[in-house]
């Protein structure tokens, strides 16, 4: 069994998942402490009020949580990572550059609980997420 190194995971998440590419998600950190993903506000991601659409923020929470559920150095090709449940609480409008930090807070045999904080350009918290992720080896 061969695990993927971190740089291969980052490339996979950014370059081989078309939806992540379309949204413009960029992985800026992936280590044993968690995962950080970032996205810039764009016209195609806006809501009617000029902020980033809540669905984009929820998708960012979901995507970074799934990445954080993977143990660095243990992810093998063919592993399935699936969201079981997700709660997102919005605390303010999401404008500008968003940074989402995710950390696995509890890990069972196949389920991981992940906490996500999303901050905007000014550092203000715009959303929090609690995500349960199932990780199934190949």
Foldseek 3Di string as FASTA:
>chain_A
DFADAPVVVQCCLQPVPVVNVVQAWHWPDAAQFFTKIKGFDDPVQADPVGFGDPVSVQVVQVSRQQSQLDHHRPHDPPKDKAWPDKDKDFDDTAHGMKMKTKHFPDDDPFKTWIKIWIAHPVRDTGMIMIIIMGIGHD
